[in-house]
């Protein structure tokens, strides 16, 4: 199948499909005219890549399990490289946990600043309150 059909069948843009191919996540055969032709397995590969990206993985992460990408979406979870997949998921989860903790700290800081400003809102000039909140 050509790139247009693969795009229609997966709901993924042609640009993304070309990017996946560039990154080694997808393989195409070139015709004499230079057009890309994909096997039926490419549908599974594109759907697996999309699912992994939606789960928060990066293209670099996904490259680690590239041999399994052409598997049926359901069978992908039982790929013979399961240890690689588990390690990849655990590493990405650790990164997400770190980011979530950082966002929580930012949220707490902003909540404190809002509370402080609201507590002192009747006490004077707003610009002076902002200076006070910034420690100036």
Protein backbone atom coordinates (compact mmCIF):
# COMPACT_ATOMS: atom_id res chain seq x y z
CA UNK A 1 0.00 0.00 0.00
CA UNK A 2 1.13 3.55 -0.56
CA UNK A 3 1.51 6.23 2.07
CA UNK A 4 -1.92 7.76 1.41
CA UNK A 5 -3.70 4.48 2.09
CA UNK A 6 -1.60 3.85 5.21
CA UNK A 7 -2.49 7.32 6.42
CA UNK A 8 -6.20 6.74 5.82
CA UNK A 9 -6.21 3.31 7.48
CA UNK A 10 -4.39 4.50 10.60
CA UNK A 11 -5.60 8.09 10.89
CA UNK A 12 -1.97 9.24 11.05
CA UNK A 13 -0.69 12.02 8.84
CA UNK A 14 1.64 11.32 5.93
CA UNK A 15 4.16 13.61 7.54
CA UNK A 16 4.17 11.53 10.73
CA UNK A 17 4.50 8.32 8.74
CA UNK A 18 7.54 9.71 6.91
CA UNK A 19 8.99 10.77 10.25
CA UNK A 20 8.50 7.28 11.71
CA UNK A 21 10.28 5.85 8.69
CA UNK A 22 13.13 8.35 9.06
CA UNK A 23 13.53 7.29 12.70
CA UNK A 24 13.61 3.59 11.84
CA UNK A 25 10.22 2.77 13.35
CA UNK A 26 8.68 1.91 10.01
CA UNK A 27 10.08 0.47 6.80
CA UNK A 28 8.97 1.02 3.22
CA UNK A 29 10.00 -0.47 -0.07
CA UNK A 30 10.69 2.05 -2.82
CA UNK A 31 9.17 1.53 -6.28
CA UNK A 32 11.03 2.27 -9.49
CA UNK A 33 9.41 5.70 -9.39
CA UNK A 34 10.66 6.25 -5.83
CA UNK A 35 7.25 5.94 -4.19
CA UNK A 36 6.97 4.35 -0.79
CA UNK A 37 5.17 1.03 -0.57
CA UNK A 38 4.29 -0.43 2.80
CA UNK A 39 3.41 -3.97 3.77
CA UNK A 40 0.27 -4.85 5.68
CA UNK A 41 2.39 -4.98 8.87
CA UNK A 42 2.91 -1.23 8.59
CA UNK A 43 -0.65 -0.65 9.80
CA UNK A 44 0.17 -2.40 13.09
CA UNK A 45 3.50 -0.58 13.36
CA UNK A 46 1.92 2.84 12.95
CA UNK A 47 -0.89 2.03 15.40
CA UNK A 48 1.61 0.72 17.96
CA UNK A 49 3.79 3.82 17.58
CA UNK A 50 0.75 6.06 18.04
CA UNK A 51 -0.34 4.15 21.14
CA UNK A 52 3.12 4.37 22.67
CA UNK A 53 3.39 8.09 21.94
CA UNK A 54 -0.03 8.62 23.53
CA UNK A 55 1.21 6.73 26.60
CA UNK A 56 3.94 9.35 27.00
CA UNK A 57 6.87 7.52 25.44
CA UNK A 58 9.33 9.29 23.16
CA UNK A 59 10.48 8.21 19.72
CA UNK A 60 13.86 7.34 21.28
CA UNK A 61 12.05 5.09 23.77
CA UNK A 62 10.06 3.42 21.03
CA UNK A 63 13.17 2.69 18.96
CA UNK A 64 14.16 0.23 21.70
CA UNK A 65 11.20 -2.02 20.82
CA UNK A 66 11.17 -1.36 17.07
CA UNK A 67 11.38 -5.10 16.18
CA UNK A 68 8.00 -5.64 17.86
CA UNK A 69 6.14 -2.72 16.30
CA UNK A 70 4.76 -4.65 13.33
CA UNK A 71 3.03 -7.12 15.63
CA UNK A 72 -0.71 -7.04 16.03
CA UNK A 73 -1.61 -4.34 18.57
CA UNK A 74 -2.84 -6.93 21.10
CA UNK A 75 0.18 -9.24 20.59
CA UNK A 76 2.60 -6.34 20.94
CA UNK A 77 2.28 -6.54 24.70
CA UNK A 78 3.68 -10.09 24.63
CA UNK A 79 6.63 -9.33 22.36
CA UNK A 80 9.69 -11.52 22.89
CA UNK A 81 11.54 -8.35 23.89
CA UNK A 82 9.20 -7.91 26.86
CA UNK A 83 12.10 -7.21 29.22
CA UNK A 84 13.16 -4.30 27.02
CA UNK A 85 9.60 -3.02 26.93
CA UNK A 86 9.19 -3.27 30.69
CA UNK A 87 12.46 -1.42 31.27
CA UNK A 88 11.41 1.25 28.79
CA UNK A 89 8.01 1.70 30.46
CA UNK A 90 9.56 1.85 33.94
CA UNK A 91 12.13 4.44 32.87
CA UNK A 92 9.50 6.64 31.22
CA UNK A 93 7.23 6.27 34.27
CA UNK A 94 10.08 7.49 36.51
CA UNK A 95 10.52 10.56 34.29
CA UNK A 96 6.78 11.24 34.39
CA UNK A 97 6.74 10.85 38.19
CA UNK A 98 9.58 13.40 38.47
CA UNK A 99 7.70 15.85 36.25
CA UNK A 100 4.49 15.30 38.22
CA UNK A 101 6.31 16.02 41.49
CA UNK A 102 7.78 19.20 40.03
CA UNK A 103 4.36 20.31 38.80
CA UNK A 104 2.90 19.60 42.26
CA UNK A 105 5.59 21.79 43.86
CA UNK A 106 4.81 24.57 41.37
CA UNK A 107 1.12 24.22 42.13
CA UNK A 108 1.70 24.45 45.87
CA UNK A 109 3.89 27.53 45.45
CA UNK A 110 1.30 29.27 43.28
CA UNK A 111 -1.51 28.34 45.68
CA UNK A 112 0.46 29.84 48.58
CA UNK A 113 1.13 33.05 46.65
CA UNK A 114 -2.52 33.40 45.66
CA UNK A 115 -3.62 32.83 49.26
CA UNK A 116 -1.13 35.41 50.49
CA UNK A 117 -2.30 37.97 47.94
CA UNK A 118 -5.95 37.33 48.77
CA UNK A 119 -5.27 37.61 52.50
CA UNK A 120 -3.58 40.96 52.02
CA UNK A 121 -5.73 42.23 49.15
CA UNK A 122 -7.51 44.83 51.27
CA UNK A 123 -4.29 46.00 52.88
CA UNK A 124 -3.04 48.28 50.14
CA UNK A 125 -1.55 48.66 46.75
CA UNK A 126 -1.45 45.54 44.52
CA UNK A 127 1.99 46.40 43.13
CA UNK A 128 3.38 46.55 46.66
CA UNK A 129 1.89 43.14 47.40
CA UNK A 130 3.52 41.68 44.30
CA UNK A 131 6.88 43.10 45.37
CA UNK A 132 6.38 41.59 48.80
CA UNK A 133 5.49 38.20 47.29
CA UNK A 134 8.63 38.29 45.12
CA UNK A 135 10.77 39.12 48.12
CA UNK A 136 11.79 42.53 46.79
